[in-house]
């Protein structure tokens, strides 16, 4: 019952996202649908359910470009980690910049990390990476150096680092936000006729994709 209730809530969120985007559902490949059902049915946190719903909605529109690794990444995020990742992206402004630099302070309380989220998880999942930079500093001697050796010896090096938000992280979040009417997703039925067809379409996906009779019986009964 617990998992069925979570799945129903996720489906309702998918309906809303597709309706808002003015899109109609289409079949999701089993390699994406079944893992998403498995992951979303175990999640009762509303913010993570939103991301699962967005991922399923995106998969129904771009089945060939949604990576199965997105499912595994979402499975490993806690609600606090997901919210902080969203916070980091919003602070950086998203967009299409090649490099999105993040100060290490982003993982401190002062930088908005109220829940104590560690950067280690984001690094492990490939959402951020460390970028090192060496800055050479030449102290003021008050006079020209007497030799090349003295000049070289007077130079000190300071190593600094910052994080870079990866392109994988941006693609992952875009997929988890779901398709929108101003994105690359196109088509769909008229807005006013979408609601009646969404649930039927989602049920059809499960009927066509699920391979286990028990799975079909449980979820179709819950959705009826």
C-alpha atoms as a PDB file:
ATOM      1  CA  UNK A   1       0.000   0.000   0.000  1.00  0.00           C
ATOM      2  CA  UNK A   2       2.843   2.371   0.913  1.00  0.00           C
ATOM      3  CA  UNK A   3       4.508   1.985  -2.478  1.00  0.00           C
ATOM      4  CA  UNK A   4       1.238   2.166  -4.387  1.00  0.00           C
ATOM      5  CA  UNK A   5       0.306   5.439  -2.670  1.00  0.00           C
ATOM      6  CA  UNK A   6       3.696   6.940  -3.508  1.00  0.00           C
ATOM      7  CA  UNK A   7       3.353   5.879  -7.141  1.00  0.00           C
ATOM      8  CA  UNK A   8      -0.130   7.387  -7.405  1.00  0.00           C
ATOM      9  CA  UNK A   9       1.175  10.704  -6.099  1.00  0.00           C
ATOM     10  CA  UNK A  10       4.004  10.584  -8.624  1.00  0.00           C
ATOM     11  CA  UNK A  11       1.590   9.894 -11.493  1.00  0.00           C
ATOM     12  CA  UNK A  12      -0.575  12.833 -10.420  1.00  0.00           C
ATOM     13  CA  UNK A  13       2.482  15.061 -10.535  1.00  0.00           C
ATOM     14  CA  UNK A  14       3.351  13.737 -13.996  1.00  0.00           C
ATOM     15  CA  UNK A  15      -0.160  14.615 -15.153  1.00  0.00           C
ATOM     16  CA  UNK A  16       0.265  18.163 -13.874  1.00  0.00           C
ATOM     17  CA  UNK A  17       3.676  18.645 -15.479  1.00  0.00           C
ATOM     18  CA  UNK A  18       2.516  17.406 -18.867  1.00  0.00           C
ATOM     19  CA  UNK A  19      -0.669  19.465 -18.645  1.00  0.00           C
ATOM     20  CA  UNK A  20       1.273  22.616 -17.815  1.00  0.00           C
ATOM     21  CA  UNK A  21       3.619  21.954 -20.728  1.00  0.00           C
ATOM     22  CA  UNK A  22       0.711  21.256 -23.082  1.00  0.00           C
ATOM     23  CA  UNK A  23       2.070  17.831 -23.974  1.00  0.00           C
ATOM     24  CA  UNK A  24       0.530  14.396 -24.345  1.00  0.00           C
ATOM     25  CA  UNK A  25       2.084  11.234 -22.859  1.00  0.00           C
ATOM     26  CA  UNK A  26       3.776   8.629 -24.966  1.00  0.00           C
ATOM     27  CA  UNK A  27       5.174   5.181 -24.226  1.00  0.00           C
ATOM     28  CA  UNK A  28       8.251   5.018 -22.003  1.00  0.00           C
ATOM     29  CA  UNK A  29      10.752   2.203 -22.688  1.00  0.00           C
ATOM     30  CA  UNK A  30      10.826  -0.503 -19.995  1.00  0.00           C
ATOM     31  CA  UNK A  31      14.521   0.226 -19.341  1.00  0.00           C
ATOM     32  CA  UNK A  32      13.400   3.631 -18.026  1.00  0.00           C
ATOM     33  CA  UNK A  33       9.837   3.019 -16.879  1.00  0.00           C
ATOM     34  CA  UNK A  34      10.410   0.060 -14.559  1.00  0.00           C
ATOM     35  CA  UNK A  35      13.383   1.611 -12.661  1.00  0.00           C
ATOM     36  CA  UNK A  36      11.448   4.884 -12.294  1.00  0.00           C
ATOM     37  CA  UNK A  37       8.425   3.000 -10.925  1.00  0.00           C
ATOM     38  CA  UNK A  38      10.712   1.167  -8.509  1.00  0.00           C
ATOM     39  CA  UNK A  39      12.473   4.307  -7.295  1.00  0.00           C
ATOM     40  CA  UNK A  40       9.474   6.630  -7.088  1.00  0.00           C
ATOM     41  CA  UNK A  41       7.296   4.097  -5.287  1.00  0.00           C
ATOM     42  CA  UNK A  42       9.818   4.020  -2.427  1.00  0.00           C
ATOM     43  CA  UNK A  43       9.913   7.821  -2.037  1.00  0.00           C
ATOM     44  CA  UNK A  44       7.390   9.682   0.109  1.00  0.00           C
ATOM     45  CA  UNK A  45       9.184  13.046   0.241  1.00  0.00           C
ATOM     46  CA  UNK A  46       7.211  15.544  -1.830  1.00  0.00           C
ATOM     47  CA  UNK A  47      10.237  17.376  -3.247  1.00  0.00           C
ATOM     48  CA  UNK A  48      11.838  14.146  -4.442  1.00  0.00           C
ATOM     49  CA  UNK A  49       8.519  12.923  -5.829  1.00  0.00           C
ATOM     50  CA  UNK A  50       8.479  16.100  -7.933  1.00  0.00           C
ATOM     51  CA  UNK A  51      11.863  15.149  -9.392  1.00  0.00           C
ATOM     52  CA  UNK A  52      10.759  11.568 -10.078  1.00  0.00           C
ATOM     53  CA  UNK A  53       7.633  12.880 -11.793  1.00  0.00           C
ATOM     54  CA  UNK A  54       9.706  15.296 -13.865  1.00  0.00           C
ATOM     55  CA  UNK A  55      12.040  12.504 -14.911  1.00  0.00           C
ATOM     56  CA  UNK A  56       9.135  10.284 -15.991  1.00  0.00           C
ATOM     57  CA  UNK A  57       7.480  13.157 -17.851  1.00  0.00           C
ATOM     58  CA  UNK A  58      10.756  13.887 -19.661  1.00  0.00           C
ATOM     59  CA  UNK A  59      11.200  10.201 -20.484  1.00  0.00           C
ATOM     60  CA  UNK A  60       7.767  10.170 -22.101  1.00  0.00           C
ATOM     61  CA  UNK A  61       8.916  12.905 -24.501  1.00  0.00           C
ATOM     62  CA  UNK A  62      12.621  12.172 -25.025  1.00  0.00           C
ATOM     63  CA  UNK A  63      12.943   8.433 -24.506  1.00  0.00           C
ATOM     64  CA  UNK A  64      16.134   8.151 -26.554  1.00  0.00           C
ATOM     65  CA  UNK A  65      18.053  10.939 -24.827  1.00  0.00           C
ATOM     66  CA  UNK A  66      17.227  10.374 -21.141  1.00  0.00           C
ATOM     67  CA  UNK A  67      20.103   8.486 -19.564  1.00  0.00           C
ATOM     68  CA  UNK A  68      19.267   5.511 -17.287  1.00  0.00           C
ATOM     69  CA  UNK A  69      22.017   6.860 -15.020  1.00  0.00           C
ATOM     70  CA  UNK A  70      19.664   9.712 -14.068  1.00  0.00           C
ATOM     71  CA  UNK A  71      17.491   7.143 -12.271  1.00  0.00           C
ATOM     72  CA  UNK A  72      20.443   5.835 -10.261  1.00  0.00           C
ATOM     73  CA  UNK A  73      21.595   9.363  -9.412  1.00  0.00           C
ATOM     74  CA  UNK A  74      18.151  10.365  -8.150  1.00  0.00           C
ATOM     75  CA  UNK A  75      17.904   7.198  -6.069  1.00  0.00           C
ATOM     76  CA  UNK A  76      21.040   8.200  -4.164  1.00  0.00           C
ATOM     77  CA  UNK A  77      20.006  11.764  -3.278  1.00  0.00           C
ATOM     78  CA  UNK A  78      18.423  12.613   0.055  1.00  0.00           C
ATOM     79  CA  UNK A  79      15.761  15.362   0.158  1.00  0.00           C
ATOM     80  CA  UNK A  80      18.299  17.776   1.675  1.00  0.00           C
ATOM     81  CA  UNK A  81      20.888  16.960  -0.980  1.00  0.00           C
ATOM     82  CA  UNK A  82      18.389  17.447  -3.801  1.00  0.00           C
ATOM     83  CA  UNK A  83      17.268  20.796  -2.405  1.00  0.00           C
ATOM     84  CA  UNK A  84      20.852  21.994  -1.984  1.00  0.00           C
ATOM     85  CA  UNK A  85      21.720  20.977  -5.539  1.00  0.00           C
ATOM     86  CA  UNK A  86      18.751  23.017  -6.747  1.00  0.00           C
ATOM     87  CA  UNK A  87      19.943  25.918  -4.579  1.00  0.00           C
ATOM     88  CA  UNK A  88      23.444  25.797  -6.055  1.00  0.00           C
ATOM     89  CA  UNK A  89      22.126  25.794  -9.621  1.00  0.00           C
ATOM     90  CA  UNK A  90      19.710  28.644  -8.916  1.00  0.00           C
ATOM     91  CA  UNK A  91      22.498  30.742  -7.372  1.00  0.00           C
ATOM     92  CA  UNK A  92      24.701  30.111 -10.391  1.00  0.00           C
ATOM     93  CA  UNK A  93      21.822  31.054 -12.678  1.00  0.00           C
ATOM     94  CA  UNK A  94      21.704  27.804 -14.704  1.00  0.00           C
ATOM     95  CA  UNK A  95      21.985  28.696 -18.374  1.00  0.00           C
ATOM     96  CA  UNK A  96      24.331  27.226 -20.955  1.00  0.00           C
ATOM     97  CA  UNK A  97      27.731  28.428 -19.738  1.00  0.00           C
ATOM     98  CA  UNK A  98      30.509  25.921 -20.343  1.00  0.00           C
ATOM     99  CA  UNK A  99      31.767  26.201 -16.759  1.00  0.00           C
ATOM    100  CA  UNK A 100      29.677  26.839 -13.658  1.00  0.00           C
ATOM    101  CA  UNK A 101      32.065  27.602 -10.824  1.00  0.00           C
ATOM    102  CA  UNK A 102      30.995  27.054  -7.243  1.00  0.00           C
ATOM    103  CA  UNK A 103      32.803  28.384  -4.205  1.00  0.00           C
ATOM    104  CA  UNK A 104      33.624  25.864  -1.454  1.00  0.00           C
ATOM    105  CA  UNK A 105      31.571  28.187   0.770  1.00  0.00           C
ATOM    106  CA  UNK A 106      28.484  26.781  -0.972  1.00  0.00           C
ATOM    107  CA  UNK A 107      28.881  23.769   1.296  1.00  0.00           C
ATOM    108  CA  UNK A 108      28.988  25.835   4.477  1.00  0.00           C
ATOM    109  CA  UNK A 109      26.078  27.138   6.506  1.00  0.00           C
ATOM    110  CA  UNK A 110      26.952  30.676   5.468  1.00  0.00           C
ATOM    111  CA  UNK A 111      26.716  29.608   1.832  1.00  0.00           C
ATOM    112  CA  UNK A 112      23.163  28.321   2.255  1.00  0.00           C
ATOM    113  CA  UNK A 113      23.977  24.762   3.306  1.00  0.00           C
ATOM    114  CA  UNK A 114      21.711  24.673   6.343  1.00  0.00           C
ATOM    115  CA  UNK A 115      21.414  20.865   6.358  1.00  0.00           C
ATOM    116  CA  UNK A 116      25.140  20.129   6.387  1.00  0.00           C
ATOM    117  CA  UNK A 117      25.178  18.506   2.935  1.00  0.00           C
ATOM    118  CA  UNK A 118      28.626  17.176   2.030  1.00  0.00           C
ATOM    119  CA  UNK A 119      30.263  17.887  -1.293  1.00  0.00           C
ATOM    120  CA  UNK A 120      31.546  14.290  -1.297  1.00  0.00           C
ATOM    121  CA  UNK A 121      28.193  12.889  -2.455  1.00  0.00           C
ATOM    122  CA  UNK A 122      27.946  15.347  -5.325  1.00  0.00           C
ATOM    123  CA  UNK A 123      31.496  14.536  -6.407  1.00  0.00           C
ATOM    124  CA  UNK A 124      30.859  10.799  -6.235  1.00  0.00           C
ATOM    125  CA  UNK A 125      27.738  11.138  -8.376  1.00  0.00           C
ATOM    126  CA  UNK A 126      29.540  13.262 -10.964  1.00  0.00           C
ATOM    127  CA  UNK A 127      27.458  16.370 -10.251  1.00  0.00           C
ATOM    128  CA  UNK A 128      30.438  18.526  -9.348  1.00  0.00           C
ATOM    129  CA  UNK A 129      34.195  18.270  -9.707  1.00  0.00           C
ATOM    130  CA  UNK A 130      37.141  20.017  -8.116  1.00  0.00           C
ATOM    131  CA  UNK A 131      39.085  22.562 -10.117  1.00  0.00           C
ATOM    132  CA  UNK A 132      42.545  23.512  -8.832  1.00  0.00           C
ATOM    133  CA  UNK A 133      44.390  26.710  -9.582  1.00  0.00           C
ATOM    134  CA  UNK A 134      47.935  27.734  -8.633  1.00  0.00           C
ATOM    135  CA  UNK A 135      48.591  31.434  -8.129  1.00  0.00           C
ATOM    136  CA  UNK A 136      52.192  32.644  -8.085  1.00  0.00           C
ATOM    137  CA  UNK A 137      52.894  35.485  -5.679  1.00  0.00           C
ATOM    138  CA  UNK A 138      56.035  37.582  -5.806  1.00  0.00           C
ATOM    139  CA  UNK A 139      56.752  39.419  -2.554  1.00  0.00           C
ATOM    140  CA  UNK A 140      58.025  42.973  -2.718  1.00  0.00           C
ATOM    141  CA  UNK A 141      61.777  43.020  -2.046  1.00  0.00           C
ATOM    142  CA  UNK A 142      62.194  46.782  -2.189  1.00  0.00           C
ATOM    143  CA  UNK A 143      64.977  46.356  -4.717  1.00  0.00           C
ATOM    144  CA  UNK A 144      65.745  44.421  -7.867  1.00  0.00           C
ATOM    145  CA  UNK A 145      66.835  40.820  -7.163  1.00  0.00           C
ATOM    146  CA  UNK A 146      70.591  40.258  -7.215  1.00  0.00           C
ATOM    147  CA  UNK A 147      70.291  37.070  -9.216  1.00  0.00           C
ATOM    148  CA  UNK A 148      67.869  34.806 -11.040  1.00  0.00           C
ATOM    149  CA  UNK A 149      68.094  32.379  -8.126  1.00  0.00           C
ATOM    150  CA  UNK A 150      67.029  35.077  -5.677  1.00  0.00           C
ATOM    151  CA  UNK A 151      64.143  36.084  -7.934  1.00  0.00           C
ATOM    152  CA  UNK A 152      62.946  32.494  -8.218  1.00  0.00           C
ATOM    153  CA  UNK A 153      63.328  31.860  -4.484  1.00  0.00           C
ATOM    154  CA  UNK A 154      61.242  34.930  -3.667  1.00  0.00           C
ATOM    155  CA  UNK A 155      58.242  33.602  -5.562  1.00  0.00           C
ATOM    156  CA  UNK A 156      55.680  31.675  -3.520  1.00  0.00           C
ATOM    157  CA  UNK A 157      52.856  29.529  -4.826  1.00  0.00           C
ATOM    158  CA  UNK A 158      49.357  29.377  -3.394  1.00  0.00           C
ATOM    159  CA  UNK A 159      47.054  26.559  -4.434  1.00  0.00           C
ATOM    160  CA  UNK A 160      43.346  27.283  -4.467  1.00  0.00           C
ATOM    161  CA  UNK A 161      40.365  25.194  -5.461  1.00  0.00           C
ATOM    162  CA  UNK A 162      36.746  25.615  -6.312  1.00  0.00           C
ATOM    163  CA  UNK A 163      34.013  23.310  -7.515  1.00  0.00           C
ATOM    164  CA  UNK A 164      32.619  23.149 -11.028  1.00  0.00           C
ATOM    165  CA  UNK A 165      29.035  22.131 -11.685  1.00  0.00           C
ATOM    166  CA  UNK A 166      29.247  19.469 -14.399  1.00  0.00           C
ATOM    167  CA  UNK A 167      27.258  19.358 -17.619  1.00  0.00           C
ATOM    168  CA  UNK A 168      25.898  16.025 -16.364  1.00  0.00           C
ATOM    169  CA  UNK A 169      24.382  17.811 -13.362  1.00  0.00           C
ATOM    170  CA  UNK A 170      22.655  20.363 -15.592  1.00  0.00           C
ATOM    171  CA  UNK A 171      21.254  17.673 -17.900  1.00  0.00           C
ATOM    172  CA  UNK A 172      20.148  15.620 -14.895  1.00  0.00           C
ATOM    173  CA  UNK A 173      18.269  18.510 -13.311  1.00  0.00           C
ATOM    174  CA  UNK A 174      16.720  19.553 -16.618  1.00  0.00           C
ATOM    175  CA  UNK A 175      15.363  16.030 -17.058  1.00  0.00           C
ATOM    176  CA  UNK A 176      14.088  15.940 -13.461  1.00  0.00           C
ATOM    177  CA  UNK A 177      12.259  19.243 -13.906  1.00  0.00           C
ATOM    178  CA  UNK A 178      10.244  17.749 -16.737  1.00  0.00           C
ATOM    179  CA  UNK A 179       9.466  19.116 -20.211  1.00  0.00           C
ATOM    180  CA  UNK A 180       8.212  22.667 -20.604  1.00  0.00           C
ATOM    181  CA  UNK A 181       6.446  24.495 -23.385  1.00  0.00           C
ATOM    182  CA  UNK A 182       9.502  26.670 -24.064  1.00  0.00           C
ATOM    183  CA  UNK A 183      11.974  23.780 -24.185  1.00  0.00           C
ATOM    184  CA  UNK A 184      13.028  21.525 -27.044  1.00  0.00           C
ATOM    185  CA  UNK A 185       9.985  19.309 -26.439  1.00  0.00           C
ATOM    186  CA  UNK A 186       7.360  19.937 -29.091  1.00  0.00           C
ATOM    187  CA  UNK A 187       3.916  18.754 -30.032  1.00  0.00           C
ATOM    188  CA  UNK A 188       1.157  17.557 -27.744  1.00  0.00           C
ATOM    189  CA  UNK A 189      -2.609  17.777 -27.719  1.00  0.00           C
ATOM    190  CA  UNK A 190      -4.449  21.039 -26.995  1.00  0.00           C
ATOM    191  CA  UNK A 191      -4.264  22.118 -23.361  1.00  0.00           C
ATOM    192  CA  UNK A 192      -7.986  21.781 -22.682  1.00  0.00           C
ATOM    193  CA  UNK A 193      -8.125  18.156 -23.931  1.00  0.00           C
ATOM    194  CA  UNK A 194      -5.013  16.885 -22.207  1.00  0.00           C
ATOM    195  CA  UNK A 195      -6.342  16.004 -18.774  1.00  0.00           C
ATOM    196  CA  UNK A 196      -8.713  13.292 -19.953  1.00  0.00           C
ATOM    197  CA  UNK A 197      -6.002  11.551 -21.937  1.00  0.00           C
ATOM    198  CA  UNK A 198      -3.072  11.706 -19.569  1.00  0.00           C
ATOM    199  CA  UNK A 199      -4.052   8.993 -17.127  1.00  0.00           C
ATOM    200  CA  UNK A 200      -5.177   6.692 -19.932  1.00  0.00           C
ATOM    201  CA  UNK A 201      -1.857   7.242 -21.660  1.00  0.00           C
ATOM    202  CA  UNK A 202       0.152   6.531 -18.538  1.00  0.00           C
ATOM    203  CA  UNK A 203      -1.824   3.378 -17.851  1.00  0.00           C
ATOM    204  CA  UNK A 204      -1.241   2.298 -21.453  1.00  0.00           C
ATOM    205  CA  UNK A 205       2.488   2.786 -20.930  1.00  0.00           C
ATOM    206  CA  UNK A 206       2.478   0.435 -17.978  1.00  0.00           C
ATOM    207  CA  UNK A 207       0.341  -2.097 -19.831  1.00  0.00           C
ATOM    208  CA  UNK A 208       2.721  -2.058 -22.775  1.00  0.00           C
ATOM    209  CA  UNK A 209       5.961  -1.950 -20.810  1.00  0.00           C
ATOM    210  CA  UNK A 210       5.560  -3.934 -17.592  1.00  0.00           C
ATOM    211  CA  UNK A 211       6.455  -7.572 -17.945  1.00  0.00           C
ATOM    212  CA  UNK A 212       5.195  -8.913 -14.632  1.00  0.00           C
ATOM    213  CA  UNK A 213       1.510  -9.626 -14.118  1.00  0.00           C
ATOM    214  CA  UNK A 214       1.738  -8.748 -10.440  1.00  0.00           C
ATOM    215  CA  UNK A 215       3.169  -5.319 -11.226  1.00  0.00           C
ATOM    216  CA  UNK A 216       0.398  -4.583 -13.701  1.00  0.00           C
ATOM    217  CA  UNK A 217      -2.326  -5.765 -11.354  1.00  0.00           C
ATOM    218  CA  UNK A 218      -1.126  -3.756  -8.369  1.00  0.00           C
ATOM    219  CA  UNK A 219      -0.595  -0.443 -10.099  1.00  0.00           C
ATOM    220  CA  UNK A 220      -3.539  -0.551 -12.504  1.00  0.00           C
ATOM    221  CA  UNK A 221      -5.891  -1.394  -9.648  1.00  0.00           C
ATOM    222  CA  UNK A 222      -4.500   1.550  -7.669  1.00  0.00           C
ATOM    223  CA  UNK A 223      -4.925   3.924 -10.612  1.00  0.00           C
ATOM    224  CA  UNK A 224      -8.489   2.862 -11.454  1.00  0.00           C
END
